[in-house]
Amino acid sequence: MAGPWTISRDRRNRAGGTDLRALLARVGSWSRRAHFTRPTSPRRAPVRRGVRLGAGLAGRPRTAGTIRTRQAVSLLAVMTIVAVLLTWATVNLARQGIASSEAAVRISAGPLVSPAPNIAGGLPRRFGSISREGAGPIAAELRLRFSAVGTGLIADARRAVAAAAGADGSSQAGGSRAGTAAAADSLAARPVTAAWPSGLYGEPGHIDPVTGRPAWVMYLGLDATAKLGIPYEVVARVMMGILGPYAKVGPWRVPAGHRGGSANCTVAWLGQTQVSVCGWASDHTVGVLASPTRDTGVAALASLMMKMRFDLQSQ
């Protein structure tokens, strides 16, 4: 007896097939749909055709890439501002340094102390024979070269004064012979003269390793009654004269100190000895310090020069 769940091969459905065949067809259709149908991902929304991908970015939340890009742009802007500020500060500092240097050059230092003081920069002056102190050959050659340069400076100063006096006389007298004669008389009434102070100063506590005697610093000065020229040109001329024509190392600029003017230092070969040489020049004066490099280095002599000028030159 056939029940409600009994499948009979003899019974046919209205379409002309058996119940078993219909059931198997349904199962196969369901299996194919389940196997080949791609499930919809909850994370990716379907993209509708005809709509641009960037059209809806304004309403979406910010992604990590967008945040990093904006941070990088902000950081770049901050770095640019900092660079501009640093450049501005550097330019201002450079301008202040140049202004202070020009102001120091414009300072009109007083005359040199003549004769040289007994103490300069804390160093005592030594009297007696220079050769006894082991400075004879060096001091002799230094004096010779400094005197040659100084004599040339005095000659140039005299020519400059004569030219200025001639120009003034010609302008006042209309270029007549009387005006020129008056200018010559004025020049004869106030000739250009110069003083040449000098001194040998010892360095207490420093012994020369070659001579075994106390170390020393030689000072030579020139004080004229007329302007010698532009300070930085004058001191460079003096240094080149002391170096000689065969020097391989030129002078370089160093601080001149509170007495103003311009200063240079160099290393010269004097008396078959390597010597540190530093000098300064103002409107009317020139000064030079020298010491063997084995006793006083160039940097130490440059620092000592600023101290000694307080005693060697008045304000």
C-alpha atoms as a PDB file:
ATOM      1  CA  MET A   1       0.000   0.000   0.000  1.00  0.00           C
ATOM      2  CA  ALA A   2       1.521   3.241  -0.985  1.00  0.00           C
ATOM      3  CA  GLY A   3       1.884   5.971   1.647  1.00  0.00           C
ATOM      4  CA  PRO A   4       2.114   9.695   1.193  1.00  0.00           C
ATOM      5  CA  TRP A   5       5.955   9.558   1.015  1.00  0.00           C
ATOM      6  CA  THR A   6       6.101   6.506  -1.191  1.00  0.00           C
ATOM      7  CA  ILE A   7       7.555   7.058  -4.614  1.00  0.00           C
ATOM      8  CA  SER A   8       5.893   4.987  -7.239  1.00  0.00           C
ATOM      9  CA  ARG A   9       7.434   4.430 -10.597  1.00  0.00           C
ATOM     10  CA  ASP A  10       4.093   3.962 -12.178  1.00  0.00           C
ATOM     11  CA  ARG A  11       2.735   7.358 -11.204  1.00  0.00           C
ATOM     12  CA  ARG A  12       3.445  10.116 -13.663  1.00  0.00           C
ATOM     13  CA  ASN A  13       2.969  13.843 -13.177  1.00  0.00           C
ATOM     14  CA  ARG A  14       0.945  16.025 -15.371  1.00  0.00           C
ATOM     15  CA  ALA A  15       3.976  17.097 -17.433  1.00  0.00           C
ATOM     16  CA  GLY A  16       4.545  13.541 -18.364  1.00  0.00           C
ATOM     17  CA  GLY A  17       7.601  12.704 -16.024  1.00  0.00           C
ATOM     18  CA  THR A  18       7.925  10.654 -12.887  1.00  0.00           C
ATOM     19  CA  ASP A  19       8.124  12.154  -9.350  1.00  0.00           C
ATOM     20  CA  LEU A  20      11.685  10.868  -8.815  1.00  0.00           C
ATOM     21  CA  ARG A  21      12.938  12.479 -11.934  1.00  0.00           C
ATOM     22  CA  ALA A  22      11.395  15.811 -10.927  1.00  0.00           C
ATOM     23  CA  LEU A  23      12.928  15.653  -7.462  1.00  0.00           C
ATOM     24  CA  LEU A  24      16.417  14.890  -8.815  1.00  0.00           C
ATOM     25  CA  ALA A  25      16.121  17.773 -11.240  1.00  0.00           C
ATOM     26  CA  ARG A  26      15.279  20.168  -8.387  1.00  0.00           C
ATOM     27  CA  VAL A  27      18.224  18.940  -6.277  1.00  0.00           C
ATOM     28  CA  GLY A  28      20.647  19.335  -9.185  1.00  0.00           C
ATOM     29  CA  SER A  29      19.419  22.817  -9.971  1.00  0.00           C
ATOM     30  CA  TRP A  30      19.828  23.898  -6.345  1.00  0.00           C
ATOM     31  CA  SER A  31      23.320  22.398  -6.155  1.00  0.00           C
ATOM     32  CA  ARG A  32      24.477  24.230  -9.258  1.00  0.00           C
ATOM     33  CA  ARG A  33      23.178  27.535  -7.983  1.00  0.00           C
ATOM     34  CA  ALA A  34      24.851  27.073  -4.605  1.00  0.00           C
ATOM     35  CA  HIS A  35      28.199  26.102  -6.156  1.00  0.00           C
ATOM     36  CA  PHE A  36      28.521  28.639  -8.958  1.00  0.00           C
ATOM     37  CA  THR A  37      26.786  31.658  -7.459  1.00  0.00           C
ATOM     38  CA  ARG A  38      29.404  34.159  -6.015  1.00  0.00           C
ATOM     39  CA  PRO A  39      28.359  35.455  -2.637  1.00  0.00           C
ATOM     40  CA  THR A  40      28.213  39.198  -2.251  1.00  0.00           C
ATOM     41  CA  SER A  41      31.072  40.556  -0.030  1.00  0.00           C
ATOM     42  CA  PRO A  42      29.846  42.764   2.795  1.00  0.00           C
ATOM     43  CA  ARG A  43      33.038  44.934   2.587  1.00  0.00           C
ATOM     44  CA  ARG A  44      32.843  45.862  -1.083  1.00  0.00           C
ATOM     45  CA  ALA A  45      29.887  47.712  -2.417  1.00  0.00           C
ATOM     46  CA  PRO A  46      28.900  46.966  -5.988  1.00  0.00           C
ATOM     47  CA  VAL A  47      30.071  49.517  -8.484  1.00  0.00           C
ATOM     48  CA  ARG A  48      27.297  50.854 -10.624  1.00  0.00           C
ATOM     49  CA  ARG A  49      28.054  51.377 -14.239  1.00  0.00           C
ATOM     50  CA  GLY A  50      28.292  54.932 -15.481  1.00  0.00           C
ATOM     51  CA  VAL A  51      29.320  56.301 -12.095  1.00  0.00           C
ATOM     52  CA  ARG A  52      32.944  57.573 -11.553  1.00  0.00           C
ATOM     53  CA  LEU A  53      34.888  56.067  -8.702  1.00  0.00           C
ATOM     54  CA  GLY A  54      35.949  59.459  -7.329  1.00  0.00           C
ATOM     55  CA  ALA A  55      32.483  60.927  -7.306  1.00  0.00           C
ATOM     56  CA  GLY A  56      31.628  59.713  -3.823  1.00  0.00           C
ATOM     57  CA  LEU A  57      34.996  60.345  -2.088  1.00  0.00           C
ATOM     58  CA  ALA A  58      33.778  63.546  -0.498  1.00  0.00           C
ATOM     59  CA  GLY A  59      31.304  61.756   1.657  1.00  0.00           C
ATOM     60  CA  ARG A  60      33.522  58.811   2.586  1.00  0.00           C
ATOM     61  CA  PRO A  61      35.655  58.754   5.765  1.00  0.00           C
ATOM     62  CA  ARG A  62      39.372  59.700   5.474  1.00  0.00           C
ATOM     63  CA  THR A  63      41.714  56.843   4.761  1.00  0.00           C
ATOM     64  CA  ALA A  64      45.269  56.411   6.186  1.00  0.00           C
ATOM     65  CA  GLY A  65      46.872  57.461   2.893  1.00  0.00           C
ATOM     66  CA  THR A  66      44.960  60.742   2.820  1.00  0.00           C
ATOM     67  CA  ILE A  67      45.957  61.523   6.413  1.00  0.00           C
ATOM     68  CA  ARG A  68      49.636  60.776   5.728  1.00  0.00           C
ATOM     69  CA  THR A  69      49.650  62.992   2.653  1.00  0.00           C
ATOM     70  CA  ARG A  70      48.194  65.934   4.553  1.00  0.00           C
ATOM     71  CA  GLN A  71      50.684  65.446   7.399  1.00  0.00           C
ATOM     72  CA  ALA A  72      53.558  65.400   4.925  1.00  0.00           C
ATOM     73  CA  VAL A  73      52.340  68.609   3.289  1.00  0.00           C
ATOM     74  CA  SER A  74      52.003  70.307   6.682  1.00  0.00           C
ATOM     75  CA  LEU A  75      55.482  69.162   7.728  1.00  0.00           C
ATOM     76  CA  LEU A  76      56.968  70.420   4.480  1.00  0.00           C
ATOM     77  CA  ALA A  77      55.344  73.822   4.998  1.00  0.00           C
ATOM     78  CA  VAL A  78      56.725  74.049   8.550  1.00  0.00           C
ATOM     79  CA  MET A  79      60.232  73.097   7.372  1.00  0.00           C
ATOM     80  CA  THR A  80      60.071  75.734   4.646  1.00  0.00           C
ATOM     81  CA  ILE A  81      59.117  78.411   7.171  1.00  0.00           C
ATOM     82  CA  VAL A  82      61.963  77.331   9.492  1.00  0.00           C
ATOM     83  CA  ALA A  83      64.455  77.447   6.618  1.00  0.00           C
ATOM     84  CA  VAL A  84      63.337  80.959   5.691  1.00  0.00           C
ATOM     85  CA  LEU A  85      63.691  82.102   9.306  1.00  0.00           C
ATOM     86  CA  LEU A  86      67.185  80.584   9.596  1.00  0.00           C
ATOM     87  CA  THR A  87      68.264  82.280   6.381  1.00  0.00           C
ATOM     88  CA  TRP A  88      66.938  85.611   7.603  1.00  0.00           C
ATOM     89  CA  ALA A  89      68.749  85.222  10.940  1.00  0.00           C
ATOM     90  CA  THR A  90      72.017  84.295   9.203  1.00  0.00           C
ATOM     91  CA  VAL A  91      71.828  87.313   6.915  1.00  0.00           C
ATOM     92  CA  ASN A  92      71.149  89.626   9.863  1.00  0.00           C
ATOM     93  CA  LEU A  93      74.082  88.209  11.831  1.00  0.00           C
ATOM     94  CA  ALA A  94      76.366  88.625   8.840  1.00  0.00           C
ATOM     95  CA  ARG A  95      75.234  92.234   8.398  1.00  0.00           C
ATOM     96  CA  GLN A  96      75.851  92.946  12.074  1.00  0.00           C
ATOM     97  CA  GLY A  97      79.323  91.419  11.836  1.00  0.00           C
ATOM     98  CA  ILE A  98      80.183  93.465   8.770  1.00  0.00           C
ATOM     99  CA  ALA A  99      78.815  96.609  10.406  1.00  0.00           C
ATOM    100  CA  SER A 100      80.874  96.015  13.559  1.00  0.00           C
ATOM    101  CA  SER A 101      83.997  95.379  11.471  1.00  0.00           C
ATOM    102  CA  GLU A 102      83.464  98.588   9.511  1.00  0.00           C
ATOM    103  CA  ALA A 103      82.839 100.477  12.743  1.00  0.00           C
ATOM    104  CA  ALA A 104      86.077  99.091  14.185  1.00  0.00           C
ATOM    105  CA  VAL A 105      87.975 100.193  11.085  1.00  0.00           C
ATOM    106  CA  ARG A 106      86.487 103.685  11.348  1.00  0.00           C
ATOM    107  CA  ILE A 107      87.769 104.074  14.926  1.00  0.00           C
ATOM    108  CA  SER A 108      90.538 106.662  14.886  1.00  0.00           C
ATOM    109  CA  ALA A 109      93.202 105.264  17.191  1.00  0.00           C
ATOM    110  CA  GLY A 110      95.568 107.628  18.925  1.00  0.00           C
ATOM    111  CA  PRO A 111      99.318 107.923  18.474  1.00  0.00           C
ATOM    112  CA  LEU A 112     101.808 105.262  19.470  1.00  0.00           C
ATOM    113  CA  VAL A 113     103.430 105.566  22.862  1.00  0.00           C
ATOM    114  CA  SER A 114     106.987 106.774  22.286  1.00  0.00           C
ATOM    115  CA  PRO A 115     109.283 105.561  23.628  1.00  0.00           C
ATOM    116  CA  ALA A 116     107.794 102.106  23.995  1.00  0.00           C
ATOM    117  CA  PRO A 117     106.352 101.458  27.469  1.00  0.00           C
ATOM    118  CA  ASN A 118     108.130  99.281  30.025  1.00  0.00           C
ATOM    119  CA  ILE A 119     105.149  96.901  30.214  1.00  0.00           C
ATOM    120  CA  ALA A 120     102.847  95.997  27.321  1.00  0.00           C
ATOM    121  CA  GLY A 121     100.091  93.428  27.664  1.00  0.00           C
ATOM    122  CA  GLY A 122     101.640  92.201  30.905  1.00  0.00           C
ATOM    123  CA  LEU A 123     105.008  91.527  29.271  1.00  0.00           C
ATOM    124  CA  PRO A 124     108.080  93.344  30.682  1.00  0.00           C
ATOM    125  CA  ARG A 125     110.396  95.179  28.336  1.00  0.00           C
ATOM    126  CA  ARG A 126     113.985  93.996  28.153  1.00  0.00           C
ATOM    127  CA  PHE A 127     116.863  96.407  27.828  1.00  0.00           C
ATOM    128  CA  GLY A 128     120.399  95.844  26.662  1.00  0.00           C
ATOM    129  CA  SER A 129     121.822  94.001  23.705  1.00  0.00           C
ATOM    130  CA  ILE A 130     119.275  92.190  21.558  1.00  0.00           C
ATOM    131  CA  SER A 131     121.846  89.633  20.478  1.00  0.00           C
ATOM    132  CA  ARG A 132     122.294  88.626  24.097  1.00  0.00           C
ATOM    133  CA  GLU A 133     118.654  87.525  24.153  1.00  0.00           C
ATOM    134  CA  GLY A 134     119.131  85.350  21.051  1.00  0.00           C
ATOM    135  CA  ALA A 135     117.049  87.690  18.867  1.00  0.00           C
ATOM    136  CA  GLY A 136     119.886  89.390  16.981  1.00  0.00           C
ATOM    137  CA  PRO A 137     119.606  87.935  13.425  1.00  0.00           C
ATOM    138  CA  ILE A 138     115.811  87.873  13.489  1.00  0.00           C
ATOM    139  CA  ALA A 139     115.462  91.421  14.827  1.00  0.00           C
ATOM    140  CA  ALA A 140     118.038  92.785  12.367  1.00  0.00           C
ATOM    141  CA  GLU A 141     116.261  91.370   9.310  1.00  0.00           C
ATOM    142  CA  LEU A 142     112.852  92.389  10.669  1.00  0.00           C
ATOM    143  CA  ARG A 143     114.044  95.974  11.202  1.00  0.00           C
ATOM    144  CA  LEU A 144     115.504  96.118   7.701  1.00  0.00           C
ATOM    145  CA  ARG A 145     112.288  94.994   5.968  1.00  0.00           C
ATOM    146  CA  PHE A 146     109.991  97.058   8.195  1.00  0.00           C
ATOM    147  CA  SER A 147     112.099 100.165   7.649  1.00  0.00           C
ATOM    148  CA  ALA A 148     111.948  99.721   3.866  1.00  0.00           C
ATOM    149  CA  VAL A 149     108.158  99.444   3.870  1.00  0.00           C
ATOM    150  CA  GLY A 150     107.740 102.291   6.363  1.00  0.00           C
ATOM    151  CA  THR A 151     109.948 104.605   4.333  1.00  0.00           C
ATOM    152  CA  GLY A 152     107.800 103.926   1.276  1.00  0.00           C
ATOM    153  CA  LEU A 153     104.644 104.689   3.235  1.00  0.00           C
ATOM    154  CA  ILE A 154     106.072 108.011   4.449  1.00  0.00           C
ATOM    155  CA  ALA A 155     107.066 108.945   0.905  1.00  0.00           C
ATOM    156  CA  ASP A 156     103.567 108.183  -0.379  1.00  0.00           C
ATOM    157  CA  ALA A 157     102.038 110.197   2.466  1.00  0.00           C
ATOM    158  CA  ARG A 158     104.206 113.185   1.601  1.00  0.00           C
ATOM    159  CA  ARG A 159     103.228 113.009  -2.051  1.00  0.00           C
ATOM    160  CA  ALA A 160      99.555 112.774  -1.093  1.00  0.00           C
ATOM    161  CA  VAL A 161      99.842 115.816   1.165  1.00  0.00           C
ATOM    162  CA  ALA A 162     101.654 117.760  -1.536  1.00  0.00           C
ATOM    163  CA  ALA A 163      99.035 116.868  -4.132  1.00  0.00           C
ATOM    164  CA  ALA A 164      96.215 117.862  -1.784  1.00  0.00           C
ATOM    165  CA  ALA A 165      97.927 121.134  -0.924  1.00  0.00           C
ATOM    166  CA  GLY A 166      98.529 121.886  -4.598  1.00  0.00           C
ATOM    167  CA  ALA A 167      94.908 121.193  -5.452  1.00  0.00           C
ATOM    168  CA  ASP A 168      93.681 123.434  -2.639  1.00  0.00           C
ATOM    169  CA  GLY A 169      96.033 126.244  -3.602  1.00  0.00           C
ATOM    170  CA  SER A 170      95.107 126.048  -7.262  1.00  0.00           C
ATOM    171  CA  SER A 171      91.400 126.135  -6.515  1.00  0.00           C
ATOM    172  CA  GLN A 172      91.772 129.114  -4.208  1.00  0.00           C
ATOM    173  CA  ALA A 173      94.096 131.137  -6.444  1.00  0.00           C
ATOM    174  CA  GLY A 174      92.615 130.073  -9.755  1.00  0.00           C
ATOM    175  CA  GLY A 175      95.588 127.908 -10.705  1.00  0.00           C
ATOM    176  CA  SER A 176      98.075 130.793 -10.640  1.00  0.00           C
ATOM    177  CA  ARG A 177     101.726 130.527  -9.747  1.00  0.00           C
ATOM    178  CA  ALA A 178     101.040 132.444  -6.584  1.00  0.00           C
ATOM    179  CA  GLY A 179      98.610 129.773  -5.436  1.00  0.00           C
ATOM    180  CA  THR A 180     101.093 127.007  -6.139  1.00  0.00           C
ATOM    181  CA  ALA A 181     103.815 128.849  -4.262  1.00  0.00           C
ATOM    182  CA  ALA A 182     101.490 129.363  -1.320  1.00  0.00           C
ATOM    183  CA  ALA A 183     100.725 125.654  -1.238  1.00  0.00           C
ATOM    184  CA  ALA A 184     104.443 124.834  -1.280  1.00  0.00           C
ATOM    185  CA  ASP A 185     105.062 127.233   1.606  1.00  0.00           C
ATOM    186  CA  SER A 186     102.208 125.626   3.558  1.00  0.00           C
ATOM    187  CA  LEU A 187     103.686 122.170   2.967  1.00  0.00           C
ATOM    188  CA  ALA A 188     107.115 123.322   4.096  1.00  0.00           C
ATOM    189  CA  ALA A 189     105.555 124.770   7.235  1.00  0.00           C
ATOM    190  CA  ARG A 190     104.010 121.403   8.205  1.00  0.00           C
ATOM    191  CA  PRO A 191     106.252 118.609   6.854  1.00  0.00           C
ATOM    192  CA  VAL A 192     105.323 114.953   7.240  1.00  0.00           C
ATOM    193  CA  THR A 193     107.389 113.372   9.985  1.00  0.00           C
ATOM    194  CA  ALA A 194     107.328 109.999  11.699  1.00  0.00           C
ATOM    195  CA  ALA A 195     108.378 108.382  14.962  1.00  0.00           C
ATOM    196  CA  TRP A 196     109.743 104.811  15.077  1.00  0.00           C
ATOM    197  CA  PRO A 197     109.192 103.336  18.553  1.00  0.00           C
ATOM    198  CA  SER A 198     110.436  99.790  19.232  1.00  0.00           C
ATOM    199  CA  GLY A 199     111.092  97.396  22.077  1.00  0.00           C
ATOM    200  CA  LEU A 200     111.900  93.806  22.981  1.00  0.00           C
ATOM    201  CA  TYR A 201     109.489  92.186  25.457  1.00  0.00           C
ATOM    202  CA  GLY A 202     110.040  88.958  27.347  1.00  0.00           C
ATOM    203  CA  GLU A 203     107.562  86.194  27.998  1.00  0.00           C
ATOM    204  CA  PRO A 204     107.987  85.132  31.618  1.00  0.00           C
ATOM    205  CA  GLY A 205     107.762  81.388  32.136  1.00  0.00           C
ATOM    206  CA  HIS A 206     108.473  80.541  28.477  1.00  0.00           C
ATOM    207  CA  ILE A 207     111.886  79.154  27.531  1.00  0.00           C
ATOM    208  CA  ASP A 208     113.089  78.938  23.939  1.00  0.00           C
ATOM    209  CA  PRO A 209     113.817  75.237  23.258  1.00  0.00           C
ATOM    210  CA  VAL A 210     116.693  76.095  20.893  1.00  0.00           C
ATOM    211  CA  THR A 211     118.572  78.862  22.721  1.00  0.00           C
ATOM    212  CA  GLY A 212     117.570  77.851  26.241  1.00  0.00           C
ATOM    213  CA  ARG A 213     116.816  81.500  27.006  1.00  0.00           C
ATOM    214  CA  PRO A 214     113.492  83.166  27.852  1.00  0.00           C
ATOM    215  CA  ALA A 215     111.113  83.614  24.930  1.00  0.00           C
ATOM    216  CA  TRP A 216     110.594  87.109  23.539  1.00  0.00           C
ATOM    217  CA  VAL A 217     108.328  89.298  21.362  1.00  0.00           C
ATOM    218  CA  MET A 218     109.814  92.036  19.150  1.00  0.00           C
ATOM    219  CA  TYR A 219     107.814  95.235  18.622  1.00  0.00           C
ATOM    220  CA  LEU A 220     108.328  97.803  15.850  1.00  0.00           C
ATOM    221  CA  GLY A 221     106.123 100.846  15.291  1.00  0.00           C
ATOM    222  CA  LEU A 222     105.623 103.737  12.887  1.00  0.00           C
ATOM    223  CA  ASP A 223     103.687 106.886  13.841  1.00  0.00           C
ATOM    224  CA  ALA A 224     103.292 109.516  11.102  1.00  0.00           C
ATOM    225  CA  THR A 225     101.879 113.025  11.228  1.00  0.00           C
ATOM    226  CA  ALA A 226      99.881 112.395   8.028  1.00  0.00           C
ATOM    227  CA  LYS A 227      97.468 109.732   6.931  1.00  0.00           C
ATOM    228  CA  LEU A 228      99.282 106.665   5.630  1.00  0.00           C
ATOM    229  CA  GLY A 229      96.379 105.306   3.610  1.00  0.00           C
ATOM    230  CA  ILE A 230      93.503 102.873   3.986  1.00  0.00           C
ATOM    231  CA  PRO A 231      94.284 100.706   7.042  1.00  0.00           C
ATOM    232  CA  TYR A 232      93.622  97.279   5.512  1.00  0.00           C
ATOM    233  CA  GLU A 233      95.720  98.161   2.446  1.00  0.00           C
ATOM    234  CA  VAL A 234      98.547  99.542   4.578  1.00  0.00           C
ATOM    235  CA  VAL A 235      98.785  96.526   6.880  1.00  0.00           C
ATOM    236  CA  ALA A 236      98.705  94.150   3.918  1.00  0.00           C
ATOM    237  CA  ARG A 237     101.536  96.124   2.309  1.00  0.00           C
ATOM    238  CA  VAL A 238     103.573  95.932   5.523  1.00  0.00           C
ATOM    239  CA  MET A 239     103.038  92.178   5.838  1.00  0.00           C
ATOM    240  CA  MET A 240     104.028  91.531   2.226  1.00  0.00           C
ATOM    241  CA  GLY A 241     107.155  93.658   2.709  1.00  0.00           C
ATOM    242  CA  ILE A 242     108.175  91.607   5.743  1.00  0.00           C
ATOM    243  CA  LEU A 243     107.449  88.329   3.965  1.00  0.00           C
ATOM    244  CA  GLY A 244     109.672  89.212   1.032  1.00  0.00           C
ATOM    245  CA  PRO A 245     109.258  88.500  -2.673  1.00  0.00           C
ATOM    246  CA  TYR A 246     109.699  84.729  -2.400  1.00  0.00           C
ATOM    247  CA  ALA A 247     107.080  84.036   0.257  1.00  0.00           C
ATOM    248  CA  LYS A 248     104.640  81.205  -0.438  1.00  0.00           C
ATOM    249  CA  VAL A 249     102.165  82.092   2.329  1.00  0.00           C
ATOM    250  CA  GLY A 250     100.366  85.434   2.259  1.00  0.00           C
ATOM    251  CA  PRO A 251      98.897  87.350   5.203  1.00  0.00           C
ATOM    252  CA  TRP A 252      95.392  86.804   6.516  1.00  0.00           C
ATOM    253  CA  ARG A 253      93.070  89.069   8.471  1.00  0.00           C
ATOM    254  CA  VAL A 254      92.689  88.819  12.254  1.00  0.00           C
ATOM    255  CA  PRO A 255      90.712  90.922  14.781  1.00  0.00           C
ATOM    256  CA  ALA A 256      92.327  94.308  15.376  1.00  0.00           C
ATOM    257  CA  GLY A 257      90.860  94.796  18.854  1.00  0.00           C
ATOM    258  CA  HIS A 258      89.256  97.830  20.478  1.00  0.00           C
ATOM    259  CA  ARG A 259      91.919 100.217  19.200  1.00  0.00           C
ATOM    260  CA  GLY A 260      90.419  99.875  15.735  1.00  0.00           C
ATOM    261  CA  GLY A 261      92.078  99.795  12.368  1.00  0.00           C
ATOM    262  CA  SER A 262      92.889  96.601  10.499  1.00  0.00           C
ATOM    263  CA  ALA A 263      95.175  93.697  11.438  1.00  0.00           C
ATOM    264  CA  ASN A 264      96.895  90.816   9.650  1.00  0.00           C
ATOM    265  CA  CYS A 265      99.062  87.882  10.621  1.00  0.00           C
ATOM    266  CA  THR A 266     101.474  85.683   8.694  1.00  0.00           C
ATOM    267  CA  VAL A 267     104.477  83.369   9.027  1.00  0.00           C
ATOM    268  CA  ALA A 268     107.794  84.729   7.740  1.00  0.00           C
ATOM    269  CA  TRP A 269     111.305  83.342   7.358  1.00  0.00           C
ATOM    270  CA  LEU A 270     113.679  85.727   9.159  1.00  0.00           C
ATOM    271  CA  GLY A 271     117.260  85.021  10.173  1.00  0.00           C
ATOM    272  CA  GLN A 272     116.890  81.406   9.025  1.00  0.00           C
ATOM    273  CA  THR A 273     114.059  81.013  11.549  1.00  0.00           C
ATOM    274  CA  GLN A 274     110.334  80.565  11.108  1.00  0.00           C
ATOM    275  CA  VAL A 275     108.713  83.564  12.786  1.00  0.00           C
ATOM    276  CA  SER A 276     105.118  84.452  13.655  1.00  0.00           C
ATOM    277  CA  VAL A 277     104.361  88.019  12.575  1.00  0.00           C
ATOM    278  CA  CYS A 278     101.248  90.063  13.375  1.00  0.00           C
ATOM    279  CA  GLY A 279     100.646  93.709  12.603  1.00  0.00           C
ATOM    280  CA  TRP A 280      98.004  96.407  12.620  1.00  0.00           C
ATOM    281  CA  ALA A 281      97.428  99.745  10.891  1.00  0.00           C
ATOM    282  CA  SER A 282      95.253 102.752  11.623  1.00  0.00           C
ATOM    283  CA  ASP A 283      95.070 106.092   9.843  1.00  0.00           C
ATOM    284  CA  HIS A 284      98.453 107.362  11.070  1.00  0.00           C
ATOM    285  CA  THR A 285     100.118 104.372  12.709  1.00  0.00           C
ATOM    286  CA  VAL A 286     101.555 100.944  11.950  1.00  0.00           C
ATOM    287  CA  GLY A 287     102.721  98.335  14.450  1.00  0.00           C
ATOM    288  CA  VAL A 288     104.328  94.898  14.100  1.00  0.00           C
ATOM    289  CA  LEU A 289     104.951  92.094  16.589  1.00  0.00           C
ATOM    290  CA  ALA A 290     107.213  89.121  15.867  1.00  0.00           C
ATOM    291  CA  SER A 291     108.271  85.981  17.742  1.00  0.00           C
ATOM    292  CA  PRO A 292     109.656  82.593  16.663  1.00  0.00           C
ATOM    293  CA  THR A 293     106.876  80.094  16.020  1.00  0.00           C
ATOM    294  CA  ARG A 294     108.573  77.630  18.358  1.00  0.00           C
ATOM    295  CA  ASP A 295     107.950  80.135  21.187  1.00  0.00           C
ATOM    296  CA  THR A 296     104.699  81.858  20.163  1.00  0.00           C
ATOM    297  CA  GLY A 297     102.236  80.532  17.610  1.00  0.00           C
ATOM    298  CA  VAL A 298     100.388  82.816  15.237  1.00  0.00           C
ATOM    299  CA  ALA A 299      97.062  82.442  17.081  1.00  0.00           C
ATOM    300  CA  ALA A 300      98.705  83.227  20.419  1.00  0.00           C
ATOM    301  CA  LEU A 301     100.512  86.235  18.956  1.00  0.00           C
ATOM    302  CA  ALA A 302      97.280  87.577  17.435  1.00  0.00           C
ATOM    303  CA  SER A 303      95.604  87.412  20.840  1.00  0.00           C
ATOM    304  CA  LEU A 304      98.649  88.973  22.499  1.00  0.00           C
ATOM    305  CA  MET A 305      98.645  91.810  19.951  1.00  0.00           C
ATOM    306  CA  MET A 306      95.190  93.008  21.039  1.00  0.00           C
ATOM    307  CA  LYS A 307      96.366  93.072  24.683  1.00  0.00           C
ATOM    308  CA  MET A 308      99.639  94.836  23.963  1.00  0.00           C
ATOM    309  CA  ARG A 309      97.960  97.552  21.859  1.00  0.00           C
ATOM    310  CA  PHE A 310      96.268  98.932  24.973  1.00  0.00           C
ATOM    311  CA  ASP A 311      99.726  99.888  26.242  1.00  0.00           C
ATOM    312  CA  LEU A 312     101.518 100.502  22.945  1.00  0.00           C
ATOM    313  CA  GLN A 313      98.888 102.860  21.492  1.00  0.00           C
ATOM    314  CA  SER A 314      96.730 105.476  23.139  1.00  0.00           C
ATOM    315  CA  GLN A 315      93.042 105.908  22.405  1.00  0.00           C
END
